[in-house]
PDB file of all heavy atoms in Angstrom:
ATOM      1  N   HIS A   1     -12.134  -1.002   0.387  1.00  0.00           N
ATOM      2  CA  HIS A   1     -11.769  -0.460   1.689  1.00  0.00           C
ATOM      3  C   HIS A   1     -12.832   0.532   2.148  1.00  0.00           C
ATOM      4  O   HIS A   1     -13.597   1.060   1.333  1.00  0.00           O
ATOM      5  CB  HIS A   1     -10.396   0.222   1.611  1.00  0.00           C
ATOM      6  CG  HIS A   1      -9.305  -0.711   1.189  1.00  0.00           C
ATOM      7  ND1 HIS A   1      -8.657  -1.539   2.085  1.00  0.00           N
ATOM      8  CD2 HIS A   1      -8.785  -0.991  -0.036  1.00  0.00           C
ATOM      9  CE1 HIS A   1      -7.760  -2.269   1.433  1.00  0.00           C
ATOM     10  NE2 HIS A   1      -7.826  -1.959   0.146  1.00  0.00           N
ATOM     11  N   PRO A   2     -12.900   0.783   3.437  1.00  0.00           N
ATOM     12  CA  PRO A   2     -13.906   1.723   3.949  1.00  0.00           C
ATOM     13  C   PRO A   2     -13.794   3.079   3.269  1.00  0.00           C
ATOM     14  O   PRO A   2     -12.702   3.522   2.905  1.00  0.00           O
ATOM     15  CB  PRO A   2     -13.568   1.827   5.440  1.00  0.00           C
ATOM     16  CG  PRO A   2     -12.846   0.554   5.744  1.00  0.00           C
ATOM     17  CD  PRO A   2     -12.086   0.199   4.510  1.00  0.00           C
ATOM     18  N   ALA A   3     -14.931   3.720   3.108  1.00  0.00           N
ATOM     19  CA  ALA A   3     -14.990   4.986   2.369  1.00  0.00           C
ATOM     20  C   ALA A   3     -14.465   6.138   3.204  1.00  0.00           C
ATOM     21  O   ALA A   3     -15.217   6.979   3.687  1.00  0.00           O
ATOM     22  CB  ALA A   3     -16.425   5.262   1.910  1.00  0.00           C
ATOM     23  N   SER A   4     -13.130   6.164   3.399  1.00  0.00           N
ATOM     24  CA  SER A   4     -12.509   7.285   4.089  1.00  0.00           C
ATOM     25  C   SER A   4     -11.123   7.496   3.511  1.00  0.00           C
ATOM     26  O   SER A   4     -10.475   6.545   3.043  1.00  0.00           O
ATOM     27  CB  SER A   4     -12.423   7.040   5.596  1.00  0.00           C
ATOM     28  OG  SER A   4     -11.426   6.091   5.903  1.00  0.00           O
ATOM     29  N   PHE A   5     -10.682   8.731   3.525  1.00  0.00           N
ATOM     30  CA  PHE A   5      -9.377   9.076   2.983  1.00  0.00           C
ATOM     31  C   PHE A   5      -8.273   8.291   3.690  1.00  0.00           C
ATOM     32  O   PHE A   5      -7.415   7.678   3.056  1.00  0.00           O
ATOM     33  CB  PHE A   5      -9.160  10.585   3.139  1.00  0.00           C
ATOM     34  CG  PHE A   5      -7.784  11.045   2.745  1.00  0.00           C
ATOM     35  CD1 PHE A   5      -7.462  11.250   1.425  1.00  0.00           C
ATOM     36  CD2 PHE A   5      -6.811  11.275   3.716  1.00  0.00           C
ATOM     37  CE1 PHE A   5      -6.194  11.684   1.051  1.00  0.00           C
ATOM     38  CE2 PHE A   5      -5.539  11.695   3.354  1.00  0.00           C
ATOM     39  CZ  PHE A   5      -5.231  11.910   2.018  1.00  0.00           C
ATOM     40  N   ASP A   6      -8.301   8.290   5.009  1.00  0.00           N
ATOM     41  CA  ASP A   6      -7.233   7.646   5.780  1.00  0.00           C
ATOM     42  C   ASP A   6      -7.181   6.142   5.540  1.00  0.00           C
ATOM     43  O   ASP A   6      -6.100   5.548   5.470  1.00  0.00           O
ATOM     44  CB  ASP A   6      -7.418   7.938   7.272  1.00  0.00           C
ATOM     45  CG  ASP A   6      -7.145   9.393   7.616  1.00  0.00           C
ATOM     46  OD1 ASP A   6      -6.378  10.034   6.877  1.00  0.00           O
ATOM     47  OD2 ASP A   6      -7.717   9.890   8.606  1.00  0.00           O
ATOM     48  N   ALA A   7      -8.370   5.519   5.418  1.00  0.00           N
ATOM     49  CA  ALA A   7      -8.390   4.072   5.244  1.00  0.00           C
ATOM     50  C   ALA A   7      -7.773   3.655   3.913  1.00  0.00           C
ATOM     51  O   ALA A   7      -6.960   2.717   3.847  1.00  0.00           O
ATOM     52  CB  ALA A   7      -9.827   3.561   5.340  1.00  0.00           C
ATOM     53  N   VAL A   8      -8.131   4.352   2.837  1.00  0.00           N
ATOM     54  CA  VAL A   8      -7.594   4.002   1.520  1.00  0.00           C
ATOM     55  C   VAL A   8      -6.106   4.328   1.453  1.00  0.00           C
ATOM     56  O   VAL A   8      -5.299   3.542   0.934  1.00  0.00           O
ATOM     57  CB  VAL A   8      -8.365   4.750   0.413  1.00  0.00           C
ATOM     58  CG1 VAL A   8      -7.773   4.427  -0.964  1.00  0.00           C
ATOM     59  CG2 VAL A   8      -9.836   4.356   0.438  1.00  0.00           C
ATOM     60  N   LEU A   9      -5.717   5.483   2.004  1.00  0.00           N
ATOM     61  CA  LEU A   9      -4.303   5.863   1.979  1.00  0.00           C
ATOM     62  C   LEU A   9      -3.466   4.892   2.818  1.00  0.00           C
ATOM     63  O   LEU A   9      -2.356   4.518   2.431  1.00  0.00           O
ATOM     64  CB  LEU A   9      -4.148   7.290   2.499  1.00  0.00           C
ATOM     65  CG  LEU A   9      -2.774   7.941   2.292  1.00  0.00           C
ATOM     66  CD1 LEU A   9      -2.470   8.083   0.801  1.00  0.00           C
ATOM     67  CD2 LEU A   9      -2.723   9.305   2.963  1.00  0.00           C
ATOM     68  N   GLN A  10      -3.992   4.462   3.955  1.00  0.00           N
ATOM     69  CA  GLN A  10      -3.264   3.507   4.802  1.00  0.00           C
ATOM     70  C   GLN A  10      -3.100   2.172   4.090  1.00  0.00           C
ATOM     71  O   GLN A  10      -2.039   1.541   4.167  1.00  0.00           O
ATOM     72  CB  GLN A  10      -3.995   3.319   6.126  1.00  0.00           C
ATOM     73  CG  GLN A  10      -3.272   2.360   7.078  1.00  0.00           C
ATOM     74  CD  GLN A  10      -4.001   2.189   8.406  1.00  0.00           C
ATOM     75  OE1 GLN A  10      -4.959   2.891   8.684  1.00  0.00           O
ATOM     76  NE2 GLN A  10      -3.531   1.256   9.219  1.00  0.00           N
ATOM     77  N   ALA A  11      -4.156   1.733   3.398  1.00  0.00           N
ATOM     78  CA  ALA A  11      -4.055   0.464   2.668  1.00  0.00           C
ATOM     79  C   ALA A  11      -2.997   0.550   1.573  1.00  0.00           C
ATOM     80  O   ALA A  11      -2.196  -0.377   1.377  1.00  0.00           O
ATOM     81  CB  ALA A  11      -5.420   0.125   2.058  1.00  0.00           C
ATOM     82  N   ALA A  12      -2.960   1.681   0.856  1.00  0.00           N
ATOM     83  CA  ALA A  12      -1.946   1.860  -0.182  1.00  0.00           C
ATOM     84  C   ALA A  12      -0.556   1.944   0.443  1.00  0.00           C
ATOM     85  O   ALA A  12       0.424   1.429  -0.128  1.00  0.00           O
ATOM     86  CB  ALA A  12      -2.252   3.119  -0.983  1.00  0.00           C
ATOM     87  N   ASP A  13      -0.454   2.582   1.604  1.00  0.00           N
ATOM     88  CA  ASP A  13       0.835   2.692   2.296  1.00  0.00           C
ATOM     89  C   ASP A  13       1.347   1.312   2.713  1.00  0.00           C
ATOM     90  O   ASP A  13       2.543   1.009   2.591  1.00  0.00           O
ATOM     91  CB  ASP A  13       0.674   3.604   3.513  1.00  0.00           C
ATOM     92  CG  ASP A  13       2.000   3.862   4.218  1.00  0.00           C
ATOM     93  OD1 ASP A  13       3.020   3.998   3.525  1.00  0.00           O
ATOM     94  OD2 ASP A  13       2.013   3.905   5.463  1.00  0.00           O
ATOM     95  N   GLU A  14       0.457   0.456   3.199  1.00  0.00           N
ATOM     96  CA  GLU A  14       0.855  -0.902   3.574  1.00  0.00           C
ATOM     97  C   GLU A  14       1.310  -1.699   2.354  1.00  0.00           C
ATOM     98  O   GLU A  14       2.278  -2.468   2.420  1.00  0.00           O
ATOM     99  CB  GLU A  14      -0.310  -1.599   4.282  1.00  0.00           C
ATOM    100  CG  GLU A  14      -0.631  -0.986   5.649  1.00  0.00           C
ATOM    101  CD  GLU A  14      -1.893  -1.566   6.262  1.00  0.00           C
ATOM    102  OE1 GLU A  14      -2.554  -2.381   5.576  1.00  0.00           O
ATOM    103  OE2 GLU A  14      -2.215  -1.215   7.416  1.00  0.00           O
ATOM    104  N   ALA A  15       0.617  -1.491   1.236  1.00  0.00           N
ATOM    105  CA  ALA A  15       1.031  -2.165   0.004  1.00  0.00           C
ATOM    106  C   ALA A  15       2.394  -1.645  -0.460  1.00  0.00           C
ATOM    107  O   ALA A  15       3.232  -2.407  -0.966  1.00  0.00           O
ATOM    108  CB  ALA A  15      -0.014  -1.957  -1.086  1.00  0.00           C
ATOM    109  N   LEU A  16       2.629  -0.332  -0.281  1.00  0.00           N
ATOM    110  CA  LEU A  16       3.920   0.247  -0.631  1.00  0.00           C
ATOM    111  C   LEU A  16       5.031  -0.354   0.237  1.00  0.00           C
ATOM    112  O   LEU A  16       6.135  -0.652  -0.262  1.00  0.00           O
ATOM    113  CB  LEU A  16       3.864   1.772  -0.448  1.00  0.00           C
ATOM    114  CG  LEU A  16       5.181   2.534  -0.608  1.00  0.00           C
ATOM    115  CD1 LEU A  16       5.727   2.378  -2.018  1.00  0.00           C
ATOM    116  CD2 LEU A  16       4.969   4.022  -0.285  1.00  0.00           C
ATOM    117  N   TYR A  17       4.766  -0.556   1.504  1.00  0.00           N
ATOM    118  CA  TYR A  17       5.744  -1.164   2.414  1.00  0.00           C
ATOM    119  C   TYR A  17       6.124  -2.563   1.928  1.00  0.00           C
ATOM    120  O   TYR A  17       7.303  -2.951   1.960  1.00  0.00           O
ATOM    121  CB  TYR A  17       5.178  -1.217   3.826  1.00  0.00           C
ATOM    122  CG  TYR A  17       6.110  -1.820   4.847  1.00  0.00           C
ATOM    123  CD1 TYR A  17       7.128  -1.053   5.430  1.00  0.00           C
ATOM    124  CD2 TYR A  17       5.985  -3.157   5.222  1.00  0.00           C
ATOM    125  CE1 TYR A  17       7.998  -1.607   6.354  1.00  0.00           C
ATOM    126  CE2 TYR A  17       6.849  -3.716   6.151  1.00  0.00           C
ATOM    127  CZ  TYR A  17       7.851  -2.949   6.722  1.00  0.00           C
ATOM    128  OH  TYR A  17       8.717  -3.500   7.631  1.00  0.00           O
ATOM    129  N   ARG A  18       5.124  -3.312   1.457  1.00  0.00           N
ATOM    130  CA  ARG A  18       5.403  -4.659   0.923  1.00  0.00           C
ATOM    131  C   ARG A  18       6.257  -4.577  -0.321  1.00  0.00           C
ATOM    132  O   ARG A  18       7.160  -5.396  -0.541  1.00  0.00           O
ATOM    133  CB  ARG A  18       4.092  -5.385   0.632  1.00  0.00           C
ATOM    134  CG  ARG A  18       3.410  -5.888   1.909  1.00  0.00           C
ATOM    135  CD  ARG A  18       2.049  -6.525   1.656  1.00  0.00           C
ATOM    136  NE  ARG A  18       1.920  -7.092   0.334  1.00  0.00           N
ATOM    137  CZ  ARG A  18       0.854  -6.922  -0.449  1.00  0.00           C
ATOM    138  NH1 ARG A  18      -0.153  -6.153  -0.031  1.00  0.00           N
ATOM    139  NH2 ARG A  18       0.797  -7.491  -1.627  1.00  0.00           N
ATOM    140  N   ALA A  19       5.984  -3.584  -1.179  1.00  0.00           N
ATOM    141  CA  ALA A  19       6.784  -3.429  -2.397  1.00  0.00           C
ATOM    142  C   ALA A  19       8.230  -3.097  -2.049  1.00  0.00           C
ATOM    143  O   ALA A  19       9.170  -3.614  -2.681  1.00  0.00           O
ATOM    144  CB  ALA A  19       6.185  -2.321  -3.266  1.00  0.00           C
ATOM    145  N   LYS A  20       8.433  -2.275  -1.026  1.00  0.00           N
ATOM    146  CA  LYS A  20       9.788  -1.951  -0.590  1.00  0.00           C
ATOM    147  C   LYS A  20      10.483  -3.205  -0.042  1.00  0.00           C
ATOM    148  O   LYS A  20      11.666  -3.456  -0.319  1.00  0.00           O
ATOM    149  CB  LYS A  20       9.733  -0.876   0.503  1.00  0.00           C
ATOM    150  CG  LYS A  20       9.279   0.494   0.036  1.00  0.00           C
ATOM    151  CD  LYS A  20      10.421   1.270  -0.578  1.00  0.00           C
ATOM    152  CE  LYS A  20      10.057   2.712  -0.804  1.00  0.00           C
ATOM    153  NZ  LYS A  20      11.172   3.479  -1.424  1.00  0.00           N
ATOM    154  N   ALA A  21       9.734  -3.976   0.738  1.00  0.00           N
ATOM    155  CA  ALA A  21      10.307  -5.181   1.346  1.00  0.00           C
ATOM    156  C   ALA A  21      10.626  -6.239   0.302  1.00  0.00           C
ATOM    157  O   ALA A  21      11.520  -7.080   0.507  1.00  0.00           O
ATOM    158  CB  ALA A  21       9.336  -5.736   2.383  1.00  0.00           C
ATOM    159  N   ASP A  22       9.913  -6.216  -0.805  1.00  0.00           N
ATOM    160  CA  ASP A  22      10.122  -7.216  -1.858  1.00  0.00           C
ATOM    161  C   ASP A  22      11.207  -6.805  -2.850  1.00  0.00           C
ATOM    162  O   ASP A  22      11.297  -7.385  -3.941  1.00  0.00           O
ATOM    163  CB  ASP A  22       8.807  -7.469  -2.609  1.00  0.00           C
ATOM    164  CG  ASP A  22       7.800  -8.223  -1.750  1.00  0.00           C
ATOM    165  OD1 ASP A  22       8.212  -8.791  -0.726  1.00  0.00           O
ATOM    166  OD2 ASP A  22       6.594  -8.219  -2.094  1.00  0.00           O
ATOM    167  N   GLY A  23      11.980  -5.812  -2.537  1.00  0.00           N
ATOM    168  CA  GLY A  23      13.114  -5.460  -3.378  1.00  0.00           C
ATOM    169  C   GLY A  23      13.017  -4.137  -4.099  1.00  0.00           C
ATOM    170  O   GLY A  23      13.884  -3.800  -4.896  1.00  0.00           O
ATOM    171  N   LYS A  24      11.951  -3.377  -3.870  1.00  0.00           N
ATOM    172  CA  LYS A  24      11.748  -2.063  -4.501  1.00  0.00           C
ATOM    173  C   LYS A  24      11.555  -2.199  -6.010  1.00  0.00           C
ATOM    174  O   LYS A  24      11.550  -3.296  -6.556  1.00  0.00           O
ATOM    175  CB  LYS A  24      12.906  -1.102  -4.178  1.00  0.00           C
ATOM    176  CG  LYS A  24      13.164  -0.920  -2.690  1.00  0.00           C
ATOM    177  CD  LYS A  24      14.317   0.042  -2.442  1.00  0.00           C
ATOM    178  CE  LYS A  24      14.564   0.211  -0.947  1.00  0.00           C
ATOM    179  NZ  LYS A  24      15.681   1.145  -0.656  1.00  0.00           N
ATOM    180  N   LEU A  25      11.362  -1.048  -6.689  1.00  0.00           N
ATOM    181  CA  LEU A  25      11.148  -0.999  -8.143  1.00  0.00           C
ATOM    182  C   LEU A  25      10.031  -1.937  -8.583  1.00  0.00           C
ATOM    183  O   LEU A  25      10.118  -2.591  -9.634  1.00  0.00           O
ATOM    184  CB  LEU A  25      12.454  -1.344  -8.882  1.00  0.00           C
ATOM    185  CG  LEU A  25      13.635  -0.403  -8.641  1.00  0.00           C
ATOM    186  CD1 LEU A  25      14.872  -0.902  -9.369  1.00  0.00           C
ATOM    187  CD2 LEU A  25      13.306   1.017  -9.072  1.00  0.00           C
ATOM    188  N   CYS A  26       8.994  -2.027  -7.777  1.00  0.00           N
ATOM    189  CA  CYS A  26       7.862  -2.880  -8.121  1.00  0.00           C
ATOM    190  C   CYS A  26       6.600  -2.284  -7.507  1.00  0.00           C
ATOM    191  O   CYS A  26       6.649  -1.280  -6.813  1.00  0.00           O
ATOM    192  CB  CYS A  26       8.074  -4.307  -7.629  1.00  0.00           C
ATOM    193  SG  CYS A  26       8.215  -4.455  -5.824  1.00  0.00           S
ATOM    194  N   TYR A  27       5.473  -2.913  -7.776  1.00  0.00           N
ATOM    195  CA  TYR A  27       4.207  -2.456  -7.190  1.00  0.00           C
ATOM    196  C   TYR A  27       3.520  -3.617  -6.495  1.00  0.00           C
ATOM    197  O   TYR A  27       3.735  -4.778  -6.833  1.00  0.00           O
ATOM    198  CB  TYR A  27       3.299  -1.842  -8.262  1.00  0.00           C
ATOM    199  CG  TYR A  27       2.651  -2.863  -9.193  1.00  0.00           C
ATOM    200  CD1 TYR A  27       1.426  -3.466  -8.868  1.00  0.00           C
ATOM    201  CD2 TYR A  27       3.269  -3.218 -10.385  1.00  0.00           C
ATOM    202  CE1 TYR A  27       0.852  -4.403  -9.714  1.00  0.00           C
ATOM    203  CE2 TYR A  27       2.712  -4.155 -11.233  1.00  0.00           C
ATOM    204  CZ  TYR A  27       1.491  -4.742 -10.900  1.00  0.00           C
ATOM    205  OH  TYR A  27       0.915  -5.670 -11.726  1.00  0.00           O
ATOM    206  N   ARG A  28       2.697  -3.309  -5.543  1.00  0.00           N
ATOM    207  CA  ARG A  28       1.863  -4.295  -4.875  1.00  0.00           C
ATOM    208  C   ARG A  28       0.479  -3.698  -4.672  1.00  0.00           C
ATOM    209  O   ARG A  28       0.328  -2.496  -4.415  1.00  0.00           O
ATOM    210  CB  ARG A  28       2.459  -4.696  -3.517  1.00  0.00           C
ATOM    211  CG  ARG A  28       3.794  -5.423  -3.610  1.00  0.00           C
ATOM    212  CD  ARG A  28       3.614  -6.796  -4.245  1.00  0.00           C
ATOM    213  NE  ARG A  28       4.877  -7.531  -4.308  1.00  0.00           N
ATOM    214  CZ  ARG A  28       5.669  -7.554  -5.383  1.00  0.00           C
ATOM    215  NH1 ARG A  28       5.319  -6.867  -6.473  1.00  0.00           N
ATOM    216  NH2 ARG A  28       6.785  -8.234  -5.381  1.00  0.00           N
ATOM    217  N   ILE A  29      -0.539  -4.537  -4.797  1.00  0.00           N
ATOM    218  CA  ILE A  29      -1.924  -4.098  -4.615  1.00  0.00           C
ATOM    219  C   ILE A  29      -2.418  -4.587  -3.259  1.00  0.00           C
ATOM    220  O   ILE A  29      -2.252  -5.769  -2.910  1.00  0.00           O
ATOM    221  CB  ILE A  29      -2.836  -4.636  -5.735  1.00  0.00           C
ATOM    222  CG1 ILE A  29      -2.343  -4.115  -7.099  1.00  0.00           C
ATOM    223  CG2 ILE A  29      -4.284  -4.228  -5.503  1.00  0.00           C
ATOM    224  CD1 ILE A  29      -3.151  -4.625  -8.280  1.00  0.00           C
ATOM    225  N   ALA A  30      -3.000  -3.699  -2.488  1.00  0.00           N
ATOM    226  CA  ALA A  30      -3.470  -4.047  -1.151  1.00  0.00           C
ATOM    227  C   ALA A  30      -4.591  -5.071  -1.212  1.00  0.00           C
ATOM    228  O   ALA A  30      -5.450  -5.042  -2.108  1.00  0.00           O
ATOM    229  CB  ALA A  30      -3.972  -2.784  -0.432  1.00  0.00           C
TER     230      ALA A  30
END
């Protein structure tokens, strides 16, 4: 991901949203 705090944090946040949508108690990699 682009070398910026917001870009990496946003990518992790989007992956977290997918983990929540997939039933929680899991992880997803952006």
